[in-house]
N, C-alpha and C. Protein backbone atom coordinates (compact mmCIF):
# COMPACT_ATOMS: atom_id res chain seq x y z
N MET A 1 0.84 -1.04 0.17
CA MET A 1 -0.03 -0.04 0.26
C MET A 1 0.69 0.99 0.13
N ALA A 2 1.87 0.67 0.38
CA ALA A 2 2.89 2.21 0.51
C ALA A 2 3.17 2.73 -0.71
N LYS A 3 3.83 1.57 -1.71
CA LYS A 3 4.34 2.26 -2.83
C LYS A 3 3.33 2.94 -3.77
N LYS A 4 1.85 2.61 -3.56
CA LYS A 4 0.99 3.62 -4.76
C LYS A 4 0.91 5.24 -3.54
N MET A 5 1.12 4.53 -2.91
CA MET A 5 1.05 6.43 -2.32
C MET A 5 2.30 6.76 -2.43
N ASP A 6 3.61 6.63 -2.55
CA ASP A 6 4.62 7.19 -3.14
C ASP A 6 5.24 7.46 -4.35
N ASP A 7 4.19 6.43 -5.71
CA ASP A 7 4.28 6.50 -6.80
C ASP A 7 2.67 6.87 -7.20
N LEU A 8 2.11 7.62 -7.01
CA LEU A 8 0.79 7.79 -7.05
C LEU A 8 0.36 7.79 -8.80
N PHE A 9 1.16 8.62 -9.53
CA PHE A 9 0.60 9.49 -10.71
C PHE A 9 1.35 7.53 -11.77
N ASP A 10 2.04 7.05 -11.55
CA ASP A 10 2.33 6.06 -12.20
C ASP A 10 1.48 5.36 -12.13
N SER A 11 0.45 4.81 -10.83
CA SER A 11 -0.31 4.20 -11.05
C SER A 11 -1.58 4.51 -11.84
N ILE A 12 -2.31 6.04 -12.28
CA ILE A 12 -3.00 6.41 -12.55
C ILE A 12 -2.57 6.32 -13.77
N ARG A 13 -3.72 5.87 -14.36
CA ARG A 13 -3.49 6.07 -16.28
C ARG A 13 -4.34 6.24 -16.95
N VAL A 14 -5.14 7.11 -17.56
CA VAL A 14 -6.67 7.67 -18.05
C VAL A 14 -6.11 8.09 -19.80
N VAL A 15 -6.68 7.21 -20.43
CA VAL A 15 -6.62 7.39 -21.88
C VAL A 15 -8.33 8.66 -22.11
N LEU A 16 -8.30 9.49 -23.30
CA LEU A 16 -9.45 9.77 -22.78
C LEU A 16 -9.87 9.32 -24.35
N PRO A 17 -10.87 8.63 -24.82
CA PRO A 17 -11.52 8.50 -26.22
C PRO A 17 -10.87 9.24 -27.42
N GLU A 18 -11.03 10.42 -27.27
CA GLU A 18 -10.31 10.94 -28.54
C GLU A 18 -8.69 11.22 -28.90
N GLN A 19 -7.95 10.97 -27.37
CA GLN A 19 -6.69 10.23 -27.50
C GLN A 19 -6.54 9.20 -28.03
N ARG A 20 -7.60 7.97 -27.68
CA ARG A 20 -7.45 6.44 -28.27
C ARG A 20 -7.77 6.40 -29.73
N ALA A 21 -8.57 7.52 -29.80
CA ALA A 21 -8.89 7.43 -31.62
C ALA A 21 -8.33 7.86 -32.16
N ALA A 22 -7.48 8.74 -31.60
CA ALA A 22 -6.04 9.59 -32.29
C ALA A 22 -4.69 8.38 -32.73
N ILE A 23 -4.58 7.81 -31.86
CA ILE A 23 -3.77 6.68 -31.36
C ILE A 23 -4.27 5.44 -32.86
N LEU A 24 -5.42 4.95 -32.28
CA LEU A 24 -5.47 4.24 -33.69
C LEU A 24 -5.40 4.37 -34.95
N GLU A 25 -5.46 6.15 -34.96
CA GLU A 25 -6.01 6.18 -36.81
C GLU A 25 -4.76 6.04 -36.60
N ASN A 26 -3.61 6.49 -36.51
CA ASN A 26 -2.35 6.82 -36.05
C ASN A 26 -1.69 5.15 -36.68
N ASN A 27 -1.88 4.37 -35.82
CA ASN A 27 -1.30 3.25 -36.02
C ASN A 27 -1.78 2.48 -36.97
N GLU A 28 -3.46 2.99 -37.58
CA GLU A 28 -3.46 2.04 -39.22
C GLU A 28 -2.79 2.99 -40.14
N ILE A 29 -2.75 4.97 -40.48
CA ILE A 29 -1.76 5.08 -41.49
C ILE A 29 -0.13 4.87 -40.76
N LEU A 30 0.52 4.47 -40.21
CA LEU A 30 1.70 3.68 -40.36
C LEU A 30 1.72 2.68 -41.35
N GLY A 31 1.07 1.56 -41.56
CA GLY A 31 1.42 0.45 -41.88
C GLY A 31 1.10 1.18 -43.68
N PHE A 32 0.85 2.23 -43.99
CA PHE A 32 0.56 3.05 -45.88
C PHE A 32 1.91 3.60 -45.70
N GLU A 33 1.43 3.94 -47.42
CA GLU A 33 2.39 4.87 -47.92
C GLU A 33 2.07 6.05 -48.59
N PRO A 34 2.86 7.32 -48.10
CA PRO A 34 2.18 8.62 -48.77
C PRO A 34 1.91 9.10 -50.25
N ARG A 35 1.14 8.88 -50.61
CA ARG A 35 1.01 9.03 -51.92
C ARG A 35 2.47 9.66 -52.84
N PRO A 36 2.94 9.20 -53.92
CA PRO A 36 4.16 10.05 -54.46
C PRO A 36 3.94 11.09 -55.15
N GLU A 37 4.65 11.77 -55.00
CA GLU A 37 4.32 13.23 -56.15
C GLU A 37 5.77 13.04 -57.65
N ILE A 38 4.72 13.04 -58.53
CA ILE A 38 5.34 12.52 -59.79
C ILE A 38 4.88 13.62 -60.79
N ASP A 39 6.45 14.46 -61.30
CA ASP A 39 6.37 15.61 -62.03
C ASP A 39 5.73 15.06 -62.94
N GLU A 40 5.88 16.56 -63.58
CA GLU A 40 4.57 16.67 -65.33
C GLU A 40 5.64 15.87 -66.72
N GLU A 41 6.82 15.75 -66.61
CA GLU A 41 7.86 15.16 -67.68
C GLU A 41 7.59 13.70 -67.58
N ASP A 42 7.99 12.91 -65.64
CA ASP A 42 7.62 11.82 -66.20
C ASP A 42 5.95 11.15 -66.61
N PHE A 43 4.88 12.19 -66.00
CA PHE A 43 3.35 12.05 -66.00
C PHE A 43 3.87 12.19 -67.59
N GLY A 44 4.17 12.58 -68.72
CA GLY A 44 3.85 12.76 -70.22
C GLY A 44 4.41 11.35 -70.82
N GLU A 45 5.77 10.86 -70.06
CA GLU A 45 6.57 9.34 -70.74
C GLU A 45 5.37 8.51 -70.25
N MET A 46 4.96 8.49 -69.63
CA MET A 46 4.14 7.28 -68.85
C MET A 46 2.60 7.71 -69.47
N CYS A 47 2.27 8.16 -70.00
CA CYS A 47 1.26 8.32 -70.48
C CYS A 47 1.35 8.20 -72.02
N PHE A 48 2.27 8.64 -72.48
CA PHE A 48 3.11 7.78 -73.66
C PHE A 48 3.59 6.62 -74.21
N ARG A 49 3.95 6.01 -73.01
CA ARG A 49 3.62 4.63 -73.15
C ARG A 49 3.12 3.86 -73.48
N ILE A 50 1.58 3.88 -72.48
CA ILE A 50 0.45 4.05 -71.96
C ILE A 50 -0.41 3.58 -73.88
N TYR A 51 -0.35 4.65 -74.07
CA TYR A 51 -0.33 4.48 -75.42
C TYR A 51 0.22 3.89 -76.79
N ASP A 52 1.80 3.57 -76.44
CA ASP A 52 2.00 3.14 -77.85
C ASP A 52 1.58 1.50 -77.06
N SER A 53 1.52 1.56 -76.08
CA SER A 53 1.42 0.01 -75.41
C SER A 53 -0.47 -0.37 -76.56
N THR A 54 -1.05 0.57 -76.53
CA THR A 54 -2.27 0.17 -77.03
C THR A 54 -2.24 -0.16 -78.84
N GLN A 55 -1.21 1.13 -79.23
CA GLN A 55 -1.12 0.76 -80.66
C GLN A 55 -0.24 0.23 -81.19
N TYR A 56 0.94 -0.52 -80.51
CA TYR A 56 1.85 -1.42 -81.08
C TYR A 56 1.37 -2.92 -80.42
N ASN A 57 0.40 -2.73 -79.74
CA ASN A 57 0.19 -4.22 -78.61
C ASN A 57 1.64 -4.53 -77.57
N TYR A 58 2.43 -4.23 -77.56
CA TYR A 58 3.46 -5.02 -76.67
C TYR A 58 3.13 -4.36 -75.54
N PRO A 59 3.46 -5.39 -74.16
CA PRO A 59 3.75 -5.49 -72.55
C PRO A 59 4.00 -4.67 -71.65
N ILE A 60 3.60 -3.44 -71.25
CA ILE A 60 3.93 -2.96 -70.29
C ILE A 60 4.03 -3.34 -68.42
N ASN A 61 5.15 -2.79 -68.00
CA ASN A 61 4.28 -2.94 -66.46
C ASN A 61 4.44 -1.14 -65.58
N VAL A 62 3.37 -2.10 -65.22
CA VAL A 62 2.80 -0.46 -64.66
C VAL A 62 2.69 -0.78 -63.08
N LYS A 63 2.73 0.25 -62.16
CA LYS A 63 2.78 0.48 -60.78
C LYS A 63 2.25 1.22 -60.74
N TRP A 64 0.92 1.88 -59.72
CA TRP A 64 -0.30 2.40 -59.39
C TRP A 64 -0.04 2.55 -58.39
N PHE A 65 -0.60 3.48 -57.25
CA PHE A 65 -0.95 3.64 -56.53
C PHE A 65 -2.95 3.47 -55.25
N VAL A 66 -2.99 2.53 -54.86
CA VAL A 66 -4.06 2.38 -54.32
C VAL A 66 -4.45 2.93 -52.74
N PRO A 67 -5.73 4.14 -53.24
CA PRO A 67 -5.76 4.78 -51.72
C PRO A 67 -6.36 3.81 -50.53
N GLN A 68 -5.98 4.22 -49.63
CA GLN A 68 -6.26 3.84 -48.71
C GLN A 68 -7.59 4.14 -47.53
N LYS A 69 -6.44 5.46 -46.89
CA LYS A 69 -6.93 6.26 -46.21
C LYS A 69 -6.64 7.48 -46.33
N GLY A 70 -7.45 8.38 -46.99
CA GLY A 70 -7.07 10.04 -47.61
C GLY A 70 -6.24 10.13 -48.44
N ASP A 71 -4.75 10.18 -47.59
CA ASP A 71 -3.48 10.05 -49.12
C ASP A 71 -2.63 9.32 -48.88
N HIS A 72 -2.74 8.48 -48.02
CA HIS A 72 -2.26 6.80 -48.09
C HIS A 72 -2.74 6.23 -48.11
N GLY A 73 -2.10 4.95 -49.04
CA GLY A 73 -2.64 3.57 -48.98
C GLY A 73 -1.03 2.91 -49.60
N THR A 74 -1.57 1.79 -50.35
CA THR A 74 -0.41 0.95 -51.00
C THR A 74 -0.33 1.16 -52.04
N PHE A 75 0.82 0.19 -52.90
CA PHE A 75 1.17 0.15 -54.22
C PHE A 75 1.02 -1.02 -54.82
N GLU A 76 0.51 -1.51 -56.35
CA GLU A 76 0.07 -2.10 -56.77
C GLU A 76 0.64 -2.45 -57.51
N SER A 77 1.16 -3.52 -58.35
CA SER A 77 1.75 -3.06 -60.00
C SER A 77 1.38 -4.97 -60.79
N ALA A 78 1.38 -4.72 -61.78
CA ALA A 78 1.42 -5.83 -62.96
C ALA A 78 1.35 -6.01 -64.29
N TRP A 79 1.14 -6.36 -64.70
CA TRP A 79 1.68 -5.93 -66.81
C TRP A 79 1.16 -6.32 -66.79
N GLY A 80 1.04 -6.42 -68.08
CA GLY A 80 0.12 -6.37 -69.41
C GLY A 80 0.26 -5.82 -70.46
N VAL A 81 -0.50 -6.33 -71.67
CA VAL A 81 -0.98 -5.29 -72.48
C VAL A 81 -2.16 -4.23 -72.54
N VAL A 82 -2.14 -2.66 -72.82
CA VAL A 82 -3.26 -1.97 -72.78
C VAL A 82 -4.40 -2.52 -74.08
N ARG A 83 -5.48 -2.66 -73.21
CA ARG A 83 -6.28 -2.54 -74.59
C ARG A 83 -7.51 -1.66 -74.71
N GLU A 84 -7.72 -1.05 -73.75
CA GLU A 84 -8.67 -0.07 -73.95
C GLU A 84 -8.57 1.53 -73.17
N ILE A 85 -8.73 2.30 -73.46
CA ILE A 85 -8.51 3.72 -72.59
C ILE A 85 -9.80 4.35 -72.83
N ASP A 86 -10.54 4.36 -71.39
CA ASP A 86 -11.63 5.40 -71.45
C ASP A 86 -11.25 6.86 -70.86
N LYS A 87 -11.84 7.66 -71.86
CA LYS A 87 -11.49 9.16 -71.43
C LYS A 87 -11.98 9.99 -70.54
N LYS A 88 -13.41 9.16 -70.60
CA LYS A 88 -14.22 9.71 -69.70
C LYS A 88 -13.94 9.35 -68.17
N TYR A 89 -13.84 8.63 -67.64
CA TYR A 89 -13.32 8.54 -66.47
C TYR A 89 -12.17 8.66 -66.36
N GLU A 90 -11.46 9.01 -67.21
CA GLU A 90 -9.75 8.84 -67.50
C GLU A 90 -9.18 7.14 -66.18
N ARG A 91 -9.12 5.92 -67.21
CA ARG A 91 -8.33 4.80 -66.92
C ARG A 91 -8.05 4.48 -68.24
N PHE A 92 -7.45 3.04 -68.04
CA PHE A 92 -7.35 2.43 -68.80
C PHE A 92 -7.17 0.77 -68.36
N LYS A 93 -7.35 0.14 -69.45
CA LYS A 93 -7.51 -1.55 -69.01
C LYS A 93 -6.47 -1.70 -69.31
N LEU A 94 -5.77 -2.70 -68.32
CA LEU A 94 -4.62 -2.96 -68.51
C LEU A 94 -4.87 -4.65 -68.25
N VAL A 95 -4.92 -5.57 -69.64
CA VAL A 95 -5.14 -6.78 -69.63
C VAL A 95 -3.57 -8.22 -69.56
N SER A 96 -3.67 -9.29 -69.08
CA SER A 96 -2.63 -10.17 -68.78
C SER A 96 -3.65 -11.61 -69.54
N ASP A 97 -2.43 -12.67 -69.53
CA ASP A 97 -2.83 -13.75 -69.61
C ASP A 97 -4.53 -14.12 -68.68
N TRP A 98 -3.94 -14.03 -67.33
CA TRP A 98 -4.83 -14.37 -66.39
C TRP A 98 -5.76 -13.32 -65.93
N GLU A 99 -5.58 -12.13 -65.97
CA GLU A 99 -6.53 -11.35 -64.95
C GLU A 99 -6.22 -10.02 -66.12
N SER A 100 -7.52 -8.89 -65.46
CA SER A 100 -6.95 -7.63 -66.07
C SER A 100 -7.34 -6.81 -65.13
N HIS A 101 -7.46 -5.25 -65.58
CA HIS A 101 -7.39 -4.13 -63.96
C HIS A 101 -7.89 -2.55 -65.37
N TRP A 102 -8.49 -1.94 -64.48
CA TRP A 102 -8.85 -0.83 -64.71
C TRP A 102 -8.22 0.52 -64.37
N ILE A 103 -7.44 0.94 -64.42
CA ILE A 103 -6.44 1.47 -63.79
C ILE A 103 -6.33 2.98 -63.77
N GLN A 104 -6.74 4.09 -62.40
CA GLN A 104 -6.92 5.86 -62.95
C GLN A 104 -5.36 6.26 -62.97
N VAL A 105 -5.80 6.66 -64.36
CA VAL A 105 -4.62 8.07 -64.52
C VAL A 105 -3.85 8.41 -63.77
N ARG A 106 -4.37 8.76 -63.21
CA ARG A 106 -4.19 9.88 -61.75
C ARG A 106 -3.60 9.06 -60.66
N ASP A 107 -3.25 7.82 -60.83
CA ASP A 107 -2.92 6.80 -59.49
C ASP A 107 -1.50 6.01 -59.89
N LEU A 108 -1.29 6.26 -61.15
CA LEU A 108 0.57 6.23 -61.92
C LEU A 108 1.33 6.59 -61.34
N VAL A 109 1.98 5.95 -60.70
CA VAL A 109 3.83 6.31 -60.12
C VAL A 109 4.25 5.11 -60.87
N SER A 110 4.46 4.46 -61.52
CA SER A 110 5.75 4.06 -63.03
C SER A 110 4.66 2.83 -63.74
N VAL A 111 5.66 3.38 -65.02
CA VAL A 111 5.10 2.58 -66.26
C VAL A 111 6.34 1.99 -67.08
N LYS A 112 6.75 0.75 -67.40
CA LYS A 112 8.16 0.32 -67.92
C LYS A 112 7.77 -0.77 -68.85
N LYS A 113 8.49 -0.59 -69.63
CA LYS A 113 8.47 -0.74 -71.06
C LYS A 113 8.98 -2.54 -71.13
């Protein structure tokens, strides 16, 4: 009993609901990466490779950002040939032998031949 009286503040631990919510949100964000900044020159080159893939029917490797929590998320990658470009929704369809993806142009990270 004397120990609790000597160290009163160590035995009392109170976490407010706002603090708990902030801690949980911070822990969720720690598992995700921030959205990368892509400059205009690299973005133009990526769009050119996507358009070339539709014209000349050659496969490309695409890496894109998948938002999960605000501007934080994960990265996915796939390879294939671009079959469609949807100008209305600003996306394109990447098709490989076993899967296809609709990828938003604004989420592109890298495109390699």
